PDB file of N, CA and C in Angstrom:
ATOM      1  N   UNK A   1      12.327  -5.300  -2.715  1.00  0.00           N
ATOM      2  CA  UNK A   1      11.548  -5.339  -1.592  1.00  0.00           C
ATOM      3  C   UNK A   1      12.063  -6.026  -0.665  1.00  0.00           C
ATOM      4  N   UNK A   2      12.479  -7.299  -0.999  1.00  0.00           N
ATOM      5  CA  UNK A   2      13.180  -8.428  -0.086  1.00  0.00           C
ATOM      6  C   UNK A   2      14.792  -7.996  -0.023  1.00  0.00           C
ATOM      7  N   UNK A   3      15.465  -6.548  -0.790  1.00  0.00           N
ATOM      8  CA  UNK A   3      16.637  -6.019  -0.219  1.00  0.00           C
ATOM      9  C   UNK A   3      16.303  -5.143   1.068  1.00  0.00           C
ATOM     10  N   UNK A   4      15.313  -4.640   1.533  1.00  0.00           N
ATOM     11  CA  UNK A   4      15.570  -3.733   2.150  1.00  0.00           C
ATOM     12  C   UNK A   4      14.446  -4.551   3.818  1.00  0.00           C
ATOM     13  N   UNK A   5      15.027  -4.364   4.801  1.00  0.00           N
ATOM     14  CA  UNK A   5      14.592  -4.986   6.183  1.00  0.00           C
ATOM     15  C   UNK A   5      13.697  -3.769   6.546  1.00  0.00           C
ATOM     16  N   UNK A   6      12.321  -4.384   6.136  1.00  0.00           N
ATOM     17  CA  UNK A   6      10.878  -3.825   6.347  1.00  0.00           C
ATOM     18  C   UNK A   6      10.521  -4.484   8.132  1.00  0.00           C
ATOM     19  N   UNK A   7      10.930  -5.376   8.636  1.00  0.00           N
ATOM     20  CA  UNK A   7      10.773  -5.975   9.793  1.00  0.00           C
ATOM     21  C   UNK A   7      10.129  -5.050  10.552  1.00  0.00           C
ATOM     22  N   UNK A   8       9.002  -5.528  10.823  1.00  0.00           N
ATOM     23  CA  UNK A   8       8.080  -4.621  12.261  1.00  0.00           C
ATOM     24  C   UNK A   8       7.738  -3.787  11.088  1.00  0.00           C
ATOM     25  N   UNK A   9       7.752  -2.983  10.239  1.00  0.00           N
ATOM     26  CA  UNK A   9       7.223  -2.065   9.150  1.00  0.00           C
ATOM     27  C   UNK A   9       5.118  -2.491   8.962  1.00  0.00           C
ATOM     28  N   UNK A  10       5.098  -1.349   8.611  1.00  0.00           N
ATOM     29  CA  UNK A  10       3.407  -1.341   8.199  1.00  0.00           C
ATOM     30  C   UNK A  10       3.544  -1.045   6.777  1.00  0.00           C
ATOM     31  N   UNK A  11       3.181  -1.633   5.648  1.00  0.00           N
ATOM     32  CA  UNK A  11       3.259  -1.246   4.334  1.00  0.00           C
ATOM     33  C   UNK A  11       1.692  -1.302   3.800  1.00  0.00           C
ATOM     34  N   UNK A  12       1.336  -0.168   3.008  1.00  0.00           N
ATOM     35  CA  UNK A  12       0.401   0.025   2.379  1.00  0.00           C
ATOM     36  C   UNK A  12       0.227   0.554   0.846  1.00  0.00           C
ATOM     37  N   UNK A  13      -0.339  -0.712   0.551  1.00  0.00           N
ATOM     38  CA  UNK A  13       0.101  -0.779  -1.238  1.00  0.00           C
ATOM     39  C   UNK A  13      -1.038   0.297  -2.033  1.00  0.00           C
ATOM     40  N   UNK A  14      -0.913   1.100  -3.003  1.00  0.00           N
ATOM     41  CA  UNK A  14      -1.912   1.622  -3.197  1.00  0.00           C
ATOM     42  C   UNK A  14      -1.221   2.322  -4.818  1.00  0.00           C
ATOM     43  N   UNK A  15      -2.019   2.449  -5.643  1.00  0.00           N
ATOM     44  CA  UNK A  15      -1.757   2.834  -7.127  1.00  0.00           C
ATOM     45  C   UNK A  15      -2.733   3.774  -6.862  1.00  0.00           C
ATOM     46  N   UNK A  16      -2.444   4.566  -8.739  1.00  0.00           N
ATOM     47  CA  UNK A  16      -3.499   4.730  -9.343  1.00  0.00           C
ATOM     48  C   UNK A  16      -3.242   4.594 -10.763  1.00  0.00           C
ATOM     49  N   UNK A  17      -4.773   4.747 -11.145  1.00  0.00           N
ATOM     50  CA  UNK A  17      -5.123   3.755 -12.368  1.00  0.00           C
ATOM     51  C   UNK A  17      -6.435   4.354 -12.916  1.00  0.00           C
ATOM     52  N   UNK A  18      -6.053   3.691 -14.468  1.00  0.00           N
ATOM     53  CA  UNK A  18      -7.887   4.269 -14.845  1.00  0.00           C
ATOM     54  C   UNK A  18      -8.464   3.135 -14.863  1.00  0.00           C
ATOM     55  N   UNK A  19      -8.096   1.994 -14.551  1.00  0.00           N
ATOM     56  CA  UNK A  19      -9.107   0.951 -14.855  1.00  0.00           C
ATOM     57  C   UNK A  19      -8.957  -0.465 -13.881  1.00  0.00           C
ATOM     58  N   UNK A  20      -7.350  -0.616 -13.939  1.00  0.00           N
ATOM     59  CA  UNK A  20      -7.186  -1.801 -12.863  1.00  0.00           C
ATOM     60  C   UNK A  20      -7.148  -1.539 -11.529  1.00  0.00           C
ATOM     61  N   UNK A  21      -7.265  -3.257 -10.879  1.00  0.00           N
ATOM     62  CA  UNK A  21      -7.057  -3.013  -9.540  1.00  0.00           C
ATOM     63  C   UNK A  21      -6.071  -3.516  -8.800  1.00  0.00           C
ATOM     64  N   UNK A  22      -5.851  -3.669  -7.749  1.00  0.00           N
ATOM     65  CA  UNK A  22      -4.487  -4.203  -7.437  1.00  0.00           C
ATOM     66  C   UNK A  22      -4.206  -5.758  -7.137  1.00  0.00           C
ATOM     67  N   UNK A  23      -5.364  -6.191  -7.851  1.00  0.00           N
ATOM     68  CA  UNK A  23      -4.579  -7.205  -7.676  1.00  0.00           C
ATOM     69  C   UNK A  23      -4.319  -8.479  -6.773  1.00  0.00           C
ATOM     70  N   UNK A  24      -2.822  -8.766  -6.768  1.00  0.00           N
ATOM     71  CA  UNK A  24      -2.507  -9.859  -6.002  1.00  0.00           C
ATOM     72  C   UNK A  24      -0.929  -8.806  -4.796  1.00  0.00           C
ATOM     73  N   UNK A  25      -1.379  -7.728  -5.380  1.00  0.00           N
ATOM     74  CA  UNK A  25       0.028  -6.825  -4.830  1.00  0.00           C
ATOM     75  C   UNK A  25       0.069  -6.922  -3.414  1.00  0.00           C
ATOM     76  N   UNK A  26      -0.965  -7.046  -2.498  1.00  0.00           N
ATOM     77  CA  UNK A  26      -0.458  -6.990  -1.355  1.00  0.00           C
ATOM     78  C   UNK A  26      -0.132  -8.303  -0.699  1.00  0.00           C
ATOM     79  N   UNK A  27      -0.444  -9.502  -1.419  1.00  0.00           N
ATOM     80  CA  UNK A  27      -0.373 -10.693  -1.169  1.00  0.00           C
ATOM     81  C   UNK A  27       1.127 -11.176  -1.635  1.00  0.00           C
ATOM     82  N   UNK A  28       1.786 -10.540  -2.472  1.00  0.00           N
ATOM     83  CA  UNK A  28       3.032 -10.342  -3.611  1.00  0.00           C
ATOM     84  C   UNK A  28       3.553  -9.678  -2.307  1.00  0.00           C
ATOM     85  N   UNK A  29       3.201  -8.695  -1.971  1.00  0.00           N
ATOM     86  CA  UNK A  29       4.230  -7.283  -1.128  1.00  0.00           C
ATOM     87  C   UNK A  29       4.716  -8.514   0.459  1.00  0.00           C
ATOM     88  N   UNK A  30       3.645  -9.401   1.022  1.00  0.00           N
ATOM     89  CA  UNK A  30       3.382  -9.818   1.989  1.00  0.00           C
ATOM     90  C   UNK A  30       4.442 -11.074   2.459  1.00  0.00           C
ATOM     91  N   UNK A  31       4.324 -11.960   0.762  1.00  0.00           N
ATOM     92  CA  UNK A  31       5.781 -12.973   0.510  1.00  0.00           C
ATOM     93  C   UNK A  31       6.849 -12.419   0.575  1.00  0.00           C
ATOM     94  N   UNK A  32       7.120 -11.265  -0.011  1.00  0.00           N
ATOM     95  CA  UNK A  32       8.884 -10.479  -0.079  1.00  0.00           C
ATOM     96  C   UNK A  32       8.878 -10.106   1.628  1.00  0.00           C
ATOM     97  N   UNK A  33       8.177  -9.858   2.078  1.00  0.00           N
ATOM     98  CA  UNK A  33       8.643  -9.043   3.668  1.00  0.00           C
ATOM     99  C   UNK A  33       8.023  -9.644   4.433  1.00  0.00           C
ATOM    100  N   UNK A  34       8.661 -10.694   5.128  1.00  0.00           N
ATOM    101  CA  UNK A  34       8.275 -11.214   5.673  1.00  0.00           C
ATOM    102  C   UNK A  34       8.565 -10.320   7.216  1.00  0.00           C
ATOM    103  N   UNK A  35       7.508 -10.102   8.328  1.00  0.00           N
ATOM    104  CA  UNK A  35       7.944  -9.577   9.706  1.00  0.00           C
ATOM    105  C   UNK A  35       7.684  -8.492   8.951  1.00  0.00           C
ATOM    106  N   UNK A  36       6.701  -8.199   7.970  1.00  0.00           N
ATOM    107  CA  UNK A  36       6.196  -6.421   7.970  1.00  0.00           C
ATOM    108  C   UNK A  36       4.784  -7.061   7.969  1.00  0.00           C
ATOM    109  N   UNK A  37       4.030  -6.041   8.484  1.00  0.00           N
ATOM    110  CA  UNK A  37       2.266  -6.155   8.516  1.00  0.00           C
ATOM    111  C   UNK A  37       2.032  -4.905   7.255  1.00  0.00           C
ATOM    112  N   UNK A  38       1.477  -5.834   6.209  1.00  0.00           N
ATOM    113  CA  UNK A  38       0.687  -5.674   4.850  1.00  0.00           C
ATOM    114  C   UNK A  38      -0.839  -5.154   5.109  1.00  0.00           C
ATOM    115  N   UNK A  39      -1.250  -3.828   5.004  1.00  0.00           N
ATOM    116  CA  UNK A  39      -2.543  -3.682   5.048  1.00  0.00           C
ATOM    117  C   UNK A  39      -3.202  -3.629   3.842  1.00  0.00           C
ATOM    118  N   UNK A  40      -4.519  -3.500   4.173  1.00  0.00           N
ATOM    119  CA  UNK A  40      -5.163  -3.596   3.042  1.00  0.00           C
ATOM    120  C   UNK A  40      -5.109  -2.048   2.371  1.00  0.00           C
ATOM    121  N   UNK A  41      -4.990  -2.038   0.714  1.00  0.00           N
ATOM    122  CA  UNK A  41      -4.879  -1.340  -0.256  1.00  0.00           C
ATOM    123  C   UNK A  41      -5.430  -0.291  -0.943  1.00  0.00           C
ATOM    124  N   UNK A  42      -5.181   0.302  -1.304  1.00  0.00           N
ATOM    125  CA  UNK A  42      -6.660   0.809  -2.473  1.00  0.00           C
ATOM    126  C   UNK A  42      -5.948   1.558  -4.093  1.00  0.00           C
ATOM    127  N   UNK A  43      -6.995   1.342  -4.604  1.00  0.00           N
ATOM    128  CA  UNK A  43      -6.523   1.821  -6.205  1.00  0.00           C
ATOM    129  C   UNK A  43      -7.491   2.991  -6.557  1.00  0.00           C
ATOM    130  N   UNK A  44      -6.794   4.416  -6.528  1.00  0.00           N
ATOM    131  CA  UNK A  44      -7.299   5.199  -6.733  1.00  0.00           C
ATOM    132  C   UNK A  44      -7.430   5.716  -8.152  1.00  0.00           C
ATOM    133  N   UNK A  45      -8.686   6.707  -8.685  1.00  0.00           N
ATOM    134  CA  UNK A  45      -8.278   6.526 -10.223  1.00  0.00           C
ATOM    135  C   UNK A  45      -7.212   7.667 -10.250  1.00  0.00           C
ATOM    136  N   UNK A  46      -6.864   8.125 -11.685  1.00  0.00           N
ATOM    137  CA  UNK A  46      -5.840   8.780 -12.338  1.00  0.00           C
ATOM    138  C   UNK A  46      -6.007  10.062 -11.934  1.00  0.00           C
ATOM    139  N   UNK A  47      -7.150  10.235 -11.500  1.00  0.00           N
ATOM    140  CA  UNK A  47      -7.124  12.171 -11.447  1.00  0.00           C
ATOM    141  C   UNK A  47      -7.266  12.421  -9.980  1.00  0.00           C
ATOM    142  N   UNK A  48      -6.661  11.199  -8.799  1.00  0.00           N
ATOM    143  CA  UNK A  48      -6.575  11.296  -7.324  1.00  0.00           C
ATOM    144  C   UNK A  48      -5.750  12.928  -6.958  1.00  0.00           C
ATOM    145  N   UNK A  49      -6.162  13.375  -6.120  1.00  0.00           N
ATOM    146  CA  UNK A  49      -5.311  14.701  -5.728  1.00  0.00           C
ATOM    147  C   UNK A  49      -4.439  14.604  -4.685  1.00  0.00           C
ATOM    148  N   UNK A  50      -3.680  15.054  -4.269  1.00  0.00           N
ATOM    149  CA  UNK A  50      -2.827  14.795  -3.197  1.00  0.00           C
ATOM    150  C   UNK A  50      -3.219  14.615  -1.819  1.00  0.00           C
ATOM    151  N   UNK A  51      -4.043  16.072  -1.489  1.00  0.00           N
ATOM    152  CA  UNK A  51      -5.028  15.838  -0.280  1.00  0.00           C
ATOM    153  C   UNK A  51      -5.760  14.615  -0.359  1.00  0.00           C
ATOM    154  N   UNK A  52      -6.361  14.455  -1.103  1.00  0.00           N
ATOM    155  CA  UNK A  52      -7.144  12.889  -1.187  1.00  0.00           C
ATOM    156  C   UNK A  52      -6.424  11.679  -0.394  1.00  0.00           C
ATOM    157  N   UNK A  53      -5.497  11.594  -1.180  1.00  0.00           N
ATOM    158  CA  UNK A  53      -3.647  10.382  -0.644  1.00  0.00           C
ATOM    159  C   UNK A  53      -3.487  10.879   0.406  1.00  0.00           C
ATOM    160  N   UNK A  54      -3.361  11.985   0.746  1.00  0.00           N
ATOM    161  CA  UNK A  54      -2.486  12.419   2.406  1.00  0.00           C
ATOM    162  C   UNK A  54      -3.727  11.950   3.605  1.00  0.00           C
ATOM    163  N   UNK A  55      -5.270  12.170   3.117  1.00  0.00           N
ATOM    164  CA  UNK A  55      -6.262  11.831   4.186  1.00  0.00           C
ATOM    165  C   UNK A  55      -6.460  10.484   4.101  1.00  0.00           C
ATOM    166  N   UNK A  56      -6.223  10.076   3.022  1.00  0.00           N
ATOM    167  CA  UNK A  56      -6.499   8.295   3.286  1.00  0.00           C
ATOM    168  C   UNK A  56      -5.120   7.880   3.635  1.00  0.00           C
ATOM    169  N   UNK A  57      -3.938   8.067   3.393  1.00  0.00           N
ATOM    170  CA  UNK A  57      -2.682   7.588   4.476  1.00  0.00           C
ATOM    171  C   UNK A  57      -3.005   8.276   5.814  1.00  0.00           C
ATOM    172  N   UNK A  58      -3.251   9.169   6.265  1.00  0.00           N
ATOM    173  CA  UNK A  58      -3.413   8.999   7.570  1.00  0.00           C
ATOM    174  C   UNK A  58      -4.372   8.042   8.315  1.00  0.00           C
ATOM    175  N   UNK A  59      -5.138   7.839   7.354  1.00  0.00           N
ATOM    176  CA  UNK A  59      -5.949   7.236   8.380  1.00  0.00           C
ATOM    177  C   UNK A  59      -5.877   5.809   8.172  1.00  0.00           C
ATOM    178  N   UNK A  60      -4.808   5.391   7.717  1.00  0.00           N
ATOM    179  CA  UNK A  60      -4.237   4.161   7.655  1.00  0.00           C
ATOM    180  C   UNK A  60      -2.931   3.977   8.133  1.00  0.00           C
ATOM    181  N   UNK A  61      -2.441   4.585   8.835  1.00  0.00           N
ATOM    182  CA  UNK A  61      -1.058   4.600   9.537  1.00  0.00           C
ATOM    183  C   UNK A  61      -1.388   4.024  11.145  1.00  0.00           C
ATOM    184  N   UNK A  62      -0.441   3.716  11.579  1.00  0.00           N
ATOM    185  CA  UNK A  62      -0.815   3.115  12.839  1.00  0.00           C
ATOM    186  C   UNK A  62      -0.789   4.276  13.603  1.00  0.00           C
ATOM    187  N   UNK A  63      -1.514   3.486  14.919  1.00  0.00           N
ATOM    188  CA  UNK A  63      -0.821   4.904  16.488  1.00  0.00           C
ATOM    189  C   UNK A  63      -0.238   4.425  17.374  1.00  0.00           C
TER     190      UNK A  63
END
């Protein structure tokens, strides 16, 4: 992540998993990308569908 210019960008961490959460992912992303905003992320179950992901992402996007 540190190889890209993410200044002024909004990052939204997400993952699919059968059990483990995001842990410190958001905090780690913020440390690697000064100048970017890291929004609260979410862990989805492994069976999440594309529609659910799209709807969630649309709600998280800044206007």
